[in-house]
C-alpha atoms as a PDB file:
ATOM      1  CA  MET A   1      64.732 160.798-134.401  1.00  0.00           C
ATOM      2  CA  GLU A   2      67.370 160.940-137.048  1.00  0.00           C
ATOM      3  CA  THR A   3      65.305 158.628-139.678  1.00  0.00           C
ATOM      4  CA  THR A   4      62.340 161.078-139.259  1.00  0.00           C
ATOM      5  CA  GLY A   5      64.559 163.861-140.180  1.00  0.00           C
ATOM      6  CA  PHE A   6      65.535 161.872-143.120  1.00  0.00           C
ATOM      7  CA  ILE A   7      61.832 161.447-144.377  1.00  0.00           C
ATOM      8  CA  CYS A   8      61.404 165.281-144.081  1.00  0.00           C
ATOM      9  CA  LEU A   9      64.419 165.997-145.942  1.00  0.00           C
ATOM     10  CA  VAL A  10      63.391 163.542-148.833  1.00  0.00           C
ATOM     11  CA  HIS A  11      60.142 165.718-149.090  1.00  0.00           C
ATOM     12  CA  MET A  12      61.971 168.993-149.022  1.00  0.00           C
ATOM     13  CA  LEU A  13      64.788 168.096-151.607  1.00  0.00           C
ATOM     14  CA  PHE A  14      61.380 167.191-154.137  1.00  0.00           C
ATOM     15  CA  VAL A  15      60.322 170.409-153.683  1.00  0.00           C
ATOM     16  CA  VAL A  16      63.304 172.382-153.873  1.00  0.00           C
ATOM     17  CA  ARG A  17      64.483 170.275-156.920  1.00  0.00           C
ATOM     18  CA  ASN A  18      61.053 171.047-158.291  1.00  0.00           C
ATOM     19  CA  ILE A  19      61.875 174.861-158.085  1.00  0.00           C
ATOM     20  CA  TRP A  20      65.304 174.338-159.523  1.00  0.00           C
ATOM     21  CA  ALA A  21      63.933 172.295-162.614  1.00  0.00           C
ATOM     22  CA  LEU A  22      61.532 175.288-163.257  1.00  0.00           C
ATOM     23  CA  ASP A  23      64.122 177.876-163.009  1.00  0.00           C
ATOM     24  CA  SER A  24      66.093 175.942-165.413  1.00  0.00           C
ATOM     25  CA  GLY A  25      63.307 175.872-167.928  1.00  0.00           C
ATOM     26  CA  GLY A  26      63.115 171.929-167.027  1.00  0.00           C
ATOM     27  CA  LEU A  27      60.891 169.910-169.340  1.00  0.00           C
ATOM     28  CA  ARG A  28      62.639 166.735-168.117  1.00  0.00           C
ATOM     29  CA  HIS A  29      59.315 164.742-167.766  1.00  0.00           C
ATOM     30  CA  GLY A  30      57.925 166.128-170.878  1.00  0.00           C
ATOM     31  CA  LYS A  31      55.585 168.857-169.323  1.00  0.00           C
ATOM     32  CA  SER A  32      56.539 172.007-167.803  1.00  0.00           C
ATOM     33  CA  LEU A  33      56.650 172.158-163.969  1.00  0.00           C
ATOM     34  CA  ASN A  34      54.674 175.304-164.106  1.00  0.00           C
ATOM     35  CA  CYS A  35      51.119 174.447-164.241  1.00  0.00           C
ATOM     36  CA  LYS A  36      47.641 175.788-164.050  1.00  0.00           C
ATOM     37  CA  LYS A  37      45.912 172.714-163.797  1.00  0.00           C
ATOM     38  CA  ASP A  38      46.344 168.969-163.061  1.00  0.00           C
ATOM     39  CA  GLU A  39      46.311 168.002-166.633  1.00  0.00           C
ATOM     40  CA  ASP A  40      49.578 169.795-167.231  1.00  0.00           C
ATOM     41  CA  CYS A  41      51.336 167.452-165.122  1.00  0.00           C
ATOM     42  CA  ILE A  42      52.580 164.016-165.395  1.00  0.00           C
ATOM     43  CA  GLU A  43      50.785 160.739-164.227  1.00  0.00           C
ATOM     44  CA  HIS A  44      50.279 160.440-160.533  1.00  0.00           C
ATOM     45  CA  ALA A  45      51.083 164.473-159.982  1.00  0.00           C
ATOM     46  CA  VAL A  46      49.128 167.552-159.369  1.00  0.00           C
ATOM     47  CA  CYS A  47      48.858 171.005-160.024  1.00  0.00           C
ATOM     48  CA  SER A  48      49.543 172.852-156.629  1.00  0.00           C
ATOM     49  CA  GLN A  49      50.611 176.165-154.994  1.00  0.00           C
ATOM     50  CA  LEU A  50      53.615 175.462-152.863  1.00  0.00           C
ATOM     51  CA  ASN A  51      54.168 176.852-149.145  1.00  0.00           C
ATOM     52  CA  LEU A  52      57.609 176.845-147.737  1.00  0.00           C
ATOM     53  CA  SER A  53      58.254 177.691-144.429  1.00  0.00           C
ATOM     54  CA  ASN A  54      55.030 179.823-144.468  1.00  0.00           C
ATOM     55  CA  ILE A  55      56.172 181.652-147.918  1.00  0.00           C
ATOM     56  CA  VAL A  56      53.596 180.976-150.169  1.00  0.00           C
ATOM     57  CA  LEU A  57      54.898 181.142-154.063  1.00  0.00           C
ATOM     58  CA  GLN A  58      53.041 182.943-156.281  1.00  0.00           C
ATOM     59  CA  HIS A  59      53.236 180.136-159.152  1.00  0.00           C
ATOM     60  CA  GLN A  60      51.710 176.775-159.207  1.00  0.00           C
ATOM     61  CA  PHE A  61      53.803 173.846-159.494  1.00  0.00           C
ATOM     62  CA  CYS A  62      53.361 170.147-160.460  1.00  0.00           C
ATOM     63  CA  ILE A  63      54.059 168.114-157.317  1.00  0.00           C
ATOM     64  CA  CYS A  64      53.816 163.931-156.857  1.00  0.00           C
ATOM     65  CA  ASP A  65      50.119 163.550-155.535  1.00  0.00           C
ATOM     66  CA  VAL A  66      49.678 162.432-151.858  1.00  0.00           C
ATOM     67  CA  GLY A  67      50.937 158.817-151.389  1.00  0.00           C
ATOM     68  CA  TYR A  68      53.579 159.142-154.254  1.00  0.00           C
ATOM     69  CA  VAL A  69      57.350 160.329-154.433  1.00  0.00           C
ATOM     70  CA  MET A  70      59.459 161.737-157.028  1.00  0.00           C
ATOM     71  CA  PHE A  71      62.214 159.972-158.403  1.00  0.00           C
ATOM     72  CA  GLU A  72      64.753 160.844-161.399  1.00  0.00           C
ATOM     73  CA  ASN A  73      64.470 157.999-163.746  1.00  0.00           C
ATOM     74  CA  LYS A  74      67.094 158.619-166.623  1.00  0.00           C
ATOM     75  CA  SER A  75      66.061 161.433-168.696  1.00  0.00           C
ATOM     76  CA  ARG A  76      62.529 162.100-166.958  1.00  0.00           C
ATOM     77  CA  ASP A  77      61.022 162.518-163.702  1.00  0.00           C
ATOM     78  CA  VAL A  78      58.261 160.172-162.565  1.00  0.00           C
ATOM     79  CA  CYS A  79      55.963 159.668-159.515  1.00  0.00           C
ATOM     80  CA  LEU A  80      56.098 156.366-157.642  1.00  0.00           C
ATOM     81  CA  ARG A  81      53.790 154.842-155.087  1.00  0.00           C
ATOM     82  CA  VAL A  82      55.126 155.332-151.458  1.00  0.00           C
ATOM     83  CA  ALA A  83      54.936 151.727-149.914  1.00  0.00           C
ATOM     84  CA  SER A  84      52.406 151.740-146.872  1.00  0.00           C
ATOM     85  CA  GLN A  85      53.715 148.646-145.503  1.00  0.00           C
ATOM     86  CA  LEU A  86      56.775 146.359-145.505  1.00  0.00           C
ATOM     87  CA  GLY A  87      56.329 144.065-148.177  1.00  0.00           C
ATOM     88  CA  ASP A  88      54.689 146.343-150.711  1.00  0.00           C
ATOM     89  CA  PRO A  89      56.146 145.929-153.973  1.00  0.00           C
ATOM     90  CA  CYS A  90      58.530 148.703-155.283  1.00  0.00           C
ATOM     91  CA  ILE A  91      60.927 149.522-158.174  1.00  0.00           C
ATOM     92  CA  GLU A  92      63.032 152.037-156.161  1.00  0.00           C
ATOM     93  CA  ASN A  93      64.817 152.435-152.618  1.00  0.00           C
ATOM     94  CA  ILE A  94      63.017 155.811-152.247  1.00  0.00           C
ATOM     95  CA  GLN A  95      59.665 154.178-152.269  1.00  0.00           C
ATOM     96  CA  CYS A  96      60.548 152.165-149.191  1.00  0.00           C
ATOM     97  CA  SER A  97      62.560 154.838-147.398  1.00  0.00           C
ATOM     98  CA  ALA A  98      60.160 157.917-147.781  1.00  0.00           C
ATOM     99  CA  THR A  99      58.240 155.505-145.232  1.00  0.00           C
ATOM    100  CA  PHE A 100      60.323 153.705-143.218  1.00  0.00           C
ATOM    101  CA  GLY A 101      63.542 155.444-143.261  1.00  0.00           C
ATOM    102  CA  ALA A 102      67.018 155.289-144.456  1.00  0.00           C
ATOM    103  CA  ASP A 103      67.586 152.110-143.315  1.00  0.00           C
ATOM    104  CA  THR A 104      65.002 150.170-146.028  1.00  0.00           C
ATOM    105  CA  GLU A 105      65.403 148.841-149.425  1.00  0.00           C
ATOM    106  CA  CYS A 106      63.760 147.666-152.129  1.00  0.00           C
ATOM    107  CA  ARG A 107      65.202 144.154-152.231  1.00  0.00           C
ATOM    108  CA  ARG A 108      64.734 142.231-155.647  1.00  0.00           C
ATOM    109  CA  PRO A 109      64.527 138.334-155.732  1.00  0.00           C
ATOM    110  CA  TYR A 110      67.475 138.434-157.944  1.00  0.00           C
ATOM    111  CA  SER A 111      70.011 141.078-159.039  1.00  0.00           C
ATOM    112  CA  THR A 112      67.931 141.612-162.834  1.00  0.00           C
ATOM    113  CA  ALA A 113      64.634 141.324-161.380  1.00  0.00           C
ATOM    114  CA  PRO A 114      62.458 144.289-162.586  1.00  0.00           C
ATOM    115  CA  SER A 115      60.852 145.221-159.191  1.00  0.00           C
ATOM    116  CA  GLY A 116      61.066 144.096-155.659  1.00  0.00           C
ATOM    117  CA  PHE A 117      59.578 144.320-152.294  1.00  0.00           C
ATOM    118  CA  CYS A 118      60.243 146.917-149.297  1.00  0.00           C
ATOM    119  CA  GLN A 119      62.365 145.348-146.536  1.00  0.00           C
ATOM    120  CA  CYS A 120      64.300 146.665-143.673  1.00  0.00           C
ATOM    121  CA  LYS A 121      67.980 146.791-144.626  1.00  0.00           C
ATOM    122  CA  GLN A 122      70.327 143.552-143.380  1.00  0.00           C
ATOM    123  CA  GLY A 123      70.891 144.164-139.777  1.00  0.00           C
ATOM    124  CA  ALA A 124      67.974 146.472-139.179  1.00  0.00           C
ATOM    125  CA  LYS A 125      64.659 145.758-137.799  1.00  0.00           C
ATOM    126  CA  LEU A 126      61.453 147.805-137.609  1.00  0.00           C
ATOM    127  CA  VAL A 127      61.092 149.901-134.521  1.00  0.00           C
ATOM    128  CA  SER A 128      57.942 152.016-133.846  1.00  0.00           C
ATOM    129  CA  GLY A 129      57.395 152.210-137.640  1.00  0.00           C
ATOM    130  CA  LEU A 130      60.841 152.658-138.899  1.00  0.00           C
ATOM    131  CA  CYS A 131      63.684 150.534-139.887  1.00  0.00           C
ATOM    132  CA  GLU A 132      66.269 150.827-137.640  1.00  0.00           C
ATOM    133  CA  MET A 133      69.937 149.311-137.515  1.00  0.00           C
ATOM    134  CA  ILE A 134      70.276 147.201-134.538  1.00  0.00           C
ATOM    135  CA  SER A 135      73.113 146.549-132.162  1.00  0.00           C
ATOM    136  CA  LYS A 136      74.881 143.220-132.188  1.00  0.00           C
ATOM    137  CA  ILE A 137      75.194 141.341-128.846  1.00  0.00           C
ATOM    138  CA  GLY A 138      77.391 142.795-126.818  1.00  0.00           C
ATOM    139  CA  ASP A 139      77.314 146.340-128.088  1.00  0.00           C
ATOM    140  CA  SER A 140      75.791 149.224-126.578  1.00  0.00           C
ATOM    141  CA  CYS A 141      72.042 149.655-126.598  1.00  0.00           C
ATOM    142  CA  GLN A 142      69.496 152.342-124.881  1.00  0.00           C
ATOM    143  CA  VAL A 143      66.471 150.143-125.248  1.00  0.00           C
ATOM    144  CA  SER A 144      65.937 146.592-125.670  1.00  0.00           C
ATOM    145  CA  ASP A 145      64.204 147.378-129.240  1.00  0.00           C
ATOM    146  CA  ASN A 146      68.071 148.404-130.355  1.00  0.00           C
ATOM    147  CA  CYS A 147      69.081 144.853-129.601  1.00  0.00           C
ATOM    148  CA  PRO A 148      68.276 141.739-131.922  1.00  0.00           C
ATOM    149  CA  ASP A 149      64.969 139.834-131.442  1.00  0.00           C
ATOM    150  CA  ASN A 150      64.857 137.915-127.974  1.00  0.00           C
ATOM    151  CA  VAL A 151      67.877 140.061-126.663  1.00  0.00           C
ATOM    152  CA  TYR A 152      67.837 142.565-123.761  1.00  0.00           C
ATOM    153  CA  CYS A 153      69.537 145.891-123.220  1.00  0.00           C
ATOM    154  CA  ASP A 154      70.840 145.394-119.633  1.00  0.00           C
ATOM    155  CA  ARG A 155      72.880 148.156-118.355  1.00  0.00           C
ATOM    156  CA  SER A 156      73.306 149.674-121.903  1.00  0.00           C
ATOM    157  CA  VAL A 157      74.546 146.555-123.317  1.00  0.00           C
ATOM    158  CA  CYS A 158      72.970 144.050-125.626  1.00  0.00           C
ATOM    159  CA  VAL A 159      72.940 140.525-123.788  1.00  0.00           C
ATOM    160  CA  CYS A 160      71.316 137.150-124.151  1.00  0.00           C
ATOM    161  CA  PRO A 161      68.722 135.859-121.698  1.00  0.00           C
ATOM    162  CA  TYR A 162      69.965 133.101-119.043  1.00  0.00           C
ATOM    163  CA  ASN A 163      71.412 129.838-120.528  1.00  0.00           C
ATOM    164  CA  HIS A 164      71.564 131.335-124.085  1.00  0.00           C
ATOM    165  CA  VAL A 165      74.696 132.162-125.820  1.00  0.00           C
ATOM    166  CA  ALA A 166      75.686 134.806-128.827  1.00  0.00           C
ATOM    167  CA  ASN A 167      76.171 132.804-131.966  1.00  0.00           C
ATOM    168  CA  SER A 168      79.340 133.372-134.065  1.00  0.00           C
ATOM    169  CA  ASP A 169      78.080 136.716-135.708  1.00  0.00           C
ATOM    170  CA  ARG A 170      76.562 138.067-132.531  1.00  0.00           C
ATOM    171  CA  THR A 171      73.029 138.521-134.384  1.00  0.00           C
ATOM    172  CA  LYS A 172      71.126 136.026-132.253  1.00  0.00           C
ATOM    173  CA  CYS A 173      71.235 133.938-129.112  1.00  0.00           C
ATOM    174  CA  ILE A 174      71.096 130.211-129.239  1.00  0.00           C
ATOM    175  CA  LYS A 175      70.274 127.926-126.311  1.00  0.00           C
ATOM    176  CA  SER A 176      73.215 126.740-124.227  1.00  0.00           C
ATOM    177  CA  SER A 177      73.855 123.106-123.764  1.00  0.00           C
ATOM    178  CA  ASN A 178      74.864 121.110-120.855  1.00  0.00           C
ATOM    179  CA  LEU A 179      77.270 118.072-121.135  1.00  0.00           C
ATOM    180  CA  GLY A 180      75.777 115.401-123.247  1.00  0.00           C
ATOM    181  CA  GLU A 181      72.934 117.689-124.686  1.00  0.00           C
ATOM    182  CA  ALA A 182      72.818 118.207-128.237  1.00  0.00           C
ATOM    183  CA  CYS A 183      74.805 120.974-130.085  1.00  0.00           C
ATOM    184  CA  ASN A 184      75.740 122.596-133.313  1.00  0.00           C
ATOM    185  CA  GLU A 185      78.809 124.667-132.399  1.00  0.00           C
ATOM    186  CA  ASP A 186      81.609 125.015-129.337  1.00  0.00           C
ATOM    187  CA  ARG A 187      79.233 128.084-128.386  1.00  0.00           C
ATOM    188  CA  ASN A 188      76.346 125.973-127.562  1.00  0.00           C
ATOM    189  CA  CYS A 189      78.085 124.188-124.609  1.00  0.00           C
ATOM    190  CA  LEU A 190      77.462 125.861-121.557  1.00  0.00           C
ATOM    191  CA  ASN A 191      80.160 124.103-119.408  1.00  0.00           C
ATOM    192  CA  THR A 192      83.823 125.316-119.069  1.00  0.00           C
ATOM    193  CA  ASN A 193      86.241 123.264-120.702  1.00  0.00           C
ATOM    194  CA  SER A 194      83.527 121.632-122.837  1.00  0.00           C
ATOM    195  CA  LYS A 195      83.021 121.504-126.654  1.00  0.00           C
ATOM    196  CA  CYS A 196      80.669 120.242-129.362  1.00  0.00           C
ATOM    197  CA  TYR A 197      81.776 116.812-130.824  1.00  0.00           C
ATOM    198  CA  GLU A 198      79.751 114.833-132.876  1.00  0.00           C
ATOM    199  CA  GLY A 199      76.563 116.807-132.043  1.00  0.00           C
ATOM    200  CA  ARG A 200      77.128 116.383-128.446  1.00  0.00           C
ATOM    201  CA  CYS A 201      78.475 118.825-125.829  1.00  0.00           C
ATOM    202  CA  ARG A 202      81.623 116.673-124.076  1.00  0.00           C
ATOM    203  CA  CYS A 203      84.711 117.444-122.165  1.00  0.00           C
ATOM    204  CA  SER A 204      87.576 118.979-124.384  1.00  0.00           C
ATOM    205  CA  ARG A 205      90.988 117.173-124.491  1.00  0.00           C
ATOM    206  CA  ASN A 206      92.918 116.521-121.047  1.00  0.00           C
ATOM    207  CA  HIS A 207      89.442 117.011-119.088  1.00  0.00           C
ATOM    208  CA  VAL A 208      86.937 114.185-118.087  1.00  0.00           C
ATOM    209  CA  ASP A 209      83.392 114.458-116.844  1.00  0.00           C
ATOM    210  CA  SER A 210      82.482 114.711-112.857  1.00  0.00           C
ATOM    211  CA  ALA A 211      80.632 112.284-111.193  1.00  0.00           C
ATOM    212  CA  SER A 212      77.402 114.447-111.599  1.00  0.00           C
ATOM    213  CA  GLY A 213      78.038 115.033-115.249  1.00  0.00           C
ATOM    214  CA  SER A 214      77.692 118.762-114.377  1.00  0.00           C
ATOM    215  CA  MET A 215      81.409 119.883-115.229  1.00  0.00           C
ATOM    216  CA  CYS A 216      84.761 119.062-116.896  1.00  0.00           C
ATOM    217  CA  LEU A 217      87.504 118.421-114.448  1.00  0.00           C
ATOM    218  CA  ARG A 218      91.150 118.390-115.210  1.00  0.00           C
ATOM    219  CA  LEU A 219      93.011 114.976-115.691  1.00  0.00           C
ATOM    220  CA  ALA A 220      95.974 114.469-113.446  1.00  0.00           C
ATOM    221  CA  ASN A 221      99.355 113.697-114.855  1.00  0.00           C
ATOM    222  CA  ASN A 222     101.075 112.394-112.423  1.00  0.00           C
ATOM    223  CA  LEU A 223     100.659 111.059-108.641  1.00  0.00           C
ATOM    224  CA  LEU A 224     100.396 113.976-106.183  1.00  0.00           C
ATOM    225  CA  ASP A 225      98.811 116.064-108.456  1.00  0.00           C
ATOM    226  CA  GLN A 226      95.639 118.038-106.944  1.00  0.00           C
ATOM    227  CA  CYS A 227      92.445 116.556-107.794  1.00  0.00           C
ATOM    228  CA  LYS A 228      88.571 116.626-106.984  1.00  0.00           C
ATOM    229  CA  GLU A 229      87.223 113.462-107.940  1.00  0.00           C
ATOM    230  CA  ASP A 230      88.567 109.986-108.296  1.00  0.00           C
ATOM    231  CA  GLN A 231      88.186 109.940-112.362  1.00  0.00           C
ATOM    232  CA  GLN A 232      90.757 112.553-112.553  1.00  0.00           C
ATOM    233  CA  CYS A 233      93.455 110.062-111.440  1.00  0.00           C
ATOM    234  CA  LEU A 234      92.470 107.403-113.732  1.00  0.00           C
ATOM    235  CA  LEU A 235      94.991 109.008-116.330  1.00  0.00           C
ATOM    236  CA  VAL A 236      97.962 108.443-114.325  1.00  0.00           C
ATOM    237  CA  SER A 237      96.915 104.562-112.894  1.00  0.00           C
ATOM    238  CA  PRO A 238      93.607 102.823-112.775  1.00  0.00           C
ATOM    239  CA  ASN A 239      94.471 101.825-109.171  1.00  0.00           C
ATOM    240  CA  ALA A 240      94.878 105.718-108.305  1.00  0.00           C
ATOM    241  CA  GLY A 241      92.130 107.768-106.774  1.00  0.00           C
ATOM    242  CA  CYS A 242      91.628 111.181-105.171  1.00  0.00           C
ATOM    243  CA  ILE A 243      92.474 111.248-101.685  1.00  0.00           C
ATOM    244  CA  HIS A 244      92.617 114.254 -99.405  1.00  0.00           C
ATOM    245  CA  GLY A 245      92.818 116.383-102.757  1.00  0.00           C
ATOM    246  CA  LEU A 246      95.842 114.555-104.052  1.00  0.00           C
ATOM    247  CA  CYS A 247      95.868 111.779-106.802  1.00  0.00           C
ATOM    248  CA  GLU A 248      97.450 108.940-104.593  1.00  0.00           C
ATOM    249  CA  CYS A 249      97.461 104.950-104.836  1.00  0.00           C
ATOM    250  CA  ASN A 250      94.113 103.286-103.628  1.00  0.00           C
ATOM    251  CA  LEU A 251      94.497 101.277-100.467  1.00  0.00           C
ATOM    252  CA  GLY A 252      96.380  97.603-101.522  1.00  0.00           C
ATOM    253  CA  TYR A 253      98.478  99.757-103.939  1.00  0.00           C
ATOM    254  CA  HIS A 254     101.771 101.601-103.736  1.00  0.00           C
ATOM    255  CA  ALA A 255     103.559 103.874-105.793  1.00  0.00           C
ATOM    256  CA  TYR A 256     106.676 103.066-107.741  1.00  0.00           C
ATOM    257  CA  ASN A 257     107.857 105.400-110.774  1.00  0.00           C
ATOM    258  CA  ASN A 258     104.601 107.103-110.973  1.00  0.00           C
ATOM    259  CA  ILE A 259     102.622 103.852-111.147  1.00  0.00           C
ATOM    260  CA  CYS A 260     100.574 102.186-108.590  1.00  0.00           C
ATOM    261  CA  TRP A 261     101.459  98.609-108.189  1.00  0.00           C
ATOM    262  CA  THR A 262      99.679  96.120-106.180  1.00  0.00           C
ATOM    263  CA  SER A 263     101.156  95.581-102.705  1.00  0.00           C
ATOM    264  CA  ILE A 264     102.461  91.884-102.418  1.00  0.00           C
ATOM    265  CA  GLY A 265     104.317  90.650 -99.112  1.00  0.00           C
ATOM    266  CA  LEU A 266     106.896  88.477 -98.314  1.00  0.00           C
ATOM    267  CA  GLY A 267     106.238  85.133 -99.547  1.00  0.00           C
ATOM    268  CA  GLU A 268     103.200  85.909-101.540  1.00  0.00           C
ATOM    269  CA  TYR A 269     102.762  85.100-105.384  1.00  0.00           C
ATOM    270  CA  CYS A 270     103.873  88.056-107.951  1.00  0.00           C
ATOM    271  CA  SER A 271     104.507  88.639-111.273  1.00  0.00           C
ATOM    272  CA  ASP A 272     106.839  91.840-110.825  1.00  0.00           C
ATOM    273  CA  SER A 273     109.480  92.539-108.265  1.00  0.00           C
ATOM    274  CA  ARG A 274     108.149  96.218-108.123  1.00  0.00           C
ATOM    275  CA  GLN A 275     105.039  94.657-106.600  1.00  0.00           C
ATOM    276  CA  CYS A 276     107.105  93.238-103.325  1.00  0.00           C
ATOM    277  CA  ILE A 277     106.750  95.748-100.589  1.00  0.00           C
ATOM    278  CA  SER A 278     107.497  95.315 -96.687  1.00  0.00           C
ATOM    279  CA  ASN A 279     105.624  96.987 -94.184  1.00  0.00           C
ATOM    280  CA  SER A 280     104.332  99.434 -96.747  1.00  0.00           C
ATOM    281  CA  ASN A 281     107.764 100.176 -97.751  1.00  0.00           C
ATOM    282  CA  ILE A 282     109.465  99.427-101.122  1.00  0.00           C
ATOM    283  CA  THR A 283     112.605  97.778-100.380  1.00  0.00           C
ATOM    284  CA  ALA A 284     115.537  96.654-102.601  1.00  0.00           C
ATOM    285  CA  LEU A 285     115.957  93.554-100.300  1.00  0.00           C
ATOM    286  CA  MET A 286     113.173  92.120-101.892  1.00  0.00           C
ATOM    287  CA  HIS A 287     112.341  90.355-105.446  1.00  0.00           C
ATOM    288  CA  CYS A 288     109.994  88.620-107.210  1.00  0.00           C
ATOM    289  CA  HIS A 289     111.681  85.335-107.480  1.00  0.00           C
ATOM    290  CA  GLU A 290     110.078  82.095-108.964  1.00  0.00           C
ATOM    291  CA  SER A 291     106.622  83.922-108.652  1.00  0.00           C
ATOM    292  CA  ARG A 292     106.948  84.804-105.086  1.00  0.00           C
ATOM    293  CA  CYS A 293     108.447  88.029-103.358  1.00  0.00           C
ATOM    294  CA  SER A 294     111.450  87.141-101.447  1.00  0.00           C
ATOM    295  CA  CYS A 295     114.533  88.123 -99.894  1.00  0.00           C
ATOM    296  CA  ILE A 296     117.530  88.811-102.080  1.00  0.00           C
ATOM    297  CA  GLN A 297     120.736  87.126-101.165  1.00  0.00           C
ATOM    298  CA  ALA A 298     122.233  90.014 -99.728  1.00  0.00           C
ATOM    299  CA  SER A 299     119.445  89.640 -97.009  1.00  0.00           C
ATOM    300  CA  VAL A 300     117.698  87.308 -94.745  1.00  0.00           C
ATOM    301  CA  GLU A 301     114.116  86.948 -93.718  1.00  0.00           C
ATOM    302  CA  ASP A 302     112.863  88.261 -90.402  1.00  0.00           C
ATOM    303  CA  LYS A 303     109.988  85.914 -89.682  1.00  0.00           C
ATOM    304  CA  LYS A 304     108.687  87.978 -86.533  1.00  0.00           C
ATOM    305  CA  ASN A 305     108.501  91.370 -88.705  1.00  0.00           C
ATOM    306  CA  ASN A 306     107.732  89.363 -91.736  1.00  0.00           C
ATOM    307  CA  GLU A 307     110.344  91.538 -93.911  1.00  0.00           C
ATOM    308  CA  CYS A 308     113.705  91.115 -95.274  1.00  0.00           C
ATOM    309  CA  VAL A 309     116.990  92.406 -93.328  1.00  0.00           C
ATOM    310  CA  GLN A 310     120.132  93.188 -94.660  1.00  0.00           C
ATOM    311  CA  VAL A 311     123.260  91.220 -93.201  1.00  0.00           C
ATOM    312  CA  PRO A 312     126.764  92.437 -92.907  1.00  0.00           C
ATOM    313  CA  SER A 313     129.126  91.271 -95.419  1.00  0.00           C
ATOM    314  CA  SER A 314     131.338  89.246 -93.094  1.00  0.00           C
ATOM    315  CA  THR A 315     128.581  86.814 -92.136  1.00  0.00           C
ATOM    316  CA  LEU A 316     127.405  86.259 -95.744  1.00  0.00           C
ATOM    317  CA  PRO A 317     128.068  82.498 -96.561  1.00  0.00           C
ATOM    318  CA  GLN A 318     131.595  81.800 -97.905  1.00  0.00           C
ATOM    319  CA  SER A 319     130.001  80.630-101.427  1.00  0.00           C
ATOM    320  CA  VAL A 320     128.719  84.379-101.691  1.00  0.00           C
ATOM    321  CA  SER A 321     132.471  85.938-100.848  1.00  0.00           C
ATOM    322  CA  LEU A 322     134.112  83.459-103.112  1.00  0.00           C
ATOM    323  CA  TYR A 323     131.545  84.446-105.738  1.00  0.00           C
ATOM    324  CA  SER A 324     132.187  87.862-105.365  1.00  0.00           C
ATOM    325  CA  THR A 325     136.080  87.066-105.448  1.00  0.00           C
ATOM    326  CA  VAL A 326     135.580  85.352-108.702  1.00  0.00           C
ATOM    327  CA  LEU A 327     133.866  88.388-110.339  1.00  0.00           C
ATOM    328  CA  CYS A 328     136.266  90.794-109.257  1.00  0.00           C
ATOM    329  CA  LEU A 329     139.402  88.896-110.446  1.00  0.00           C
ATOM    330  CA  LEU A 330     137.695  88.311-113.826  1.00  0.00           C
ATOM    331  CA  SER A 331     136.933  91.949-114.476  1.00  0.00           C
ATOM    332  CA  VAL A 332     140.699  92.592-113.782  1.00  0.00           C
ATOM    333  CA  PHE A 333     141.453  90.278-116.376  1.00  0.00           C
ATOM    334  CA  ILE A 334     139.366  91.655-118.606  1.00  0.00           C
ATOM    335  CA  ILE A 335     140.555  95.073-118.160  1.00  0.00           C
ATOM    336  CA  ARG A 336     144.224  93.775-118.909  1.00  0.00           C
END
């Protein structure tokens, strides 16, 4: 494993560096690296004959004792205790990386603190005794240990379990919420076209809850727009419903200028001429006059069929014809 190689490299560099220091006549720690007994060495170091790749060196050298690692501290070398578990106290990163690999650090509680504690680096976690950088949700992986906690490696990708979604920085999974349930951000909301509003998952703008409360349906803008449920049509008119997959006026109402008006027959009470209808058809021959639907002056009532019938201009009352003539003459006079 790559991290294991790093640990081996740390120890090899330590040994090679000792040899280099000896060849240079190094006395950086105040005592010669060439030794005969332990007392010739610095604290936590022992006098030992080195064996590199089955080559036994003739001289003895000062090396850090078992459980210690060498660190170059300004003008002198010191042997520091190696961490045995995460959370052990430390002064330098090498005390942590010697045991747990390159993705560890000596984390101080504040920047100027003299010491800290061994921890995995941000974005890394302990896997089989070593700190390893973990993939974010949606990134590639080999096993689930490569992913954040409670995240699974599925088809070589880190994925959240069922009914969970990734948080904004893709470092952990958060539980999905249905409509009406508590949430912290939009990502919590499971339903399509829903958002987190005032701590609850609600349908987004221009959408409405379904009757079951399990989905967000788009509101219709006009009559005859497609729909699945009645509430989609309420924005068009409170008297519209979803009929055969289209927003249409409910029974007892009729459409006029994209509004559903109460259907009122001839002779019935009304408040607006657009309410007046004859045989389920809007007609220009009827209007609301003195709070009742009645025939306009150019038509007569057909009592048998309960509707207004237009009459030829030749049969109109003389008063009507005279009135029209006066209007015509008046308009000519005004033009002149």
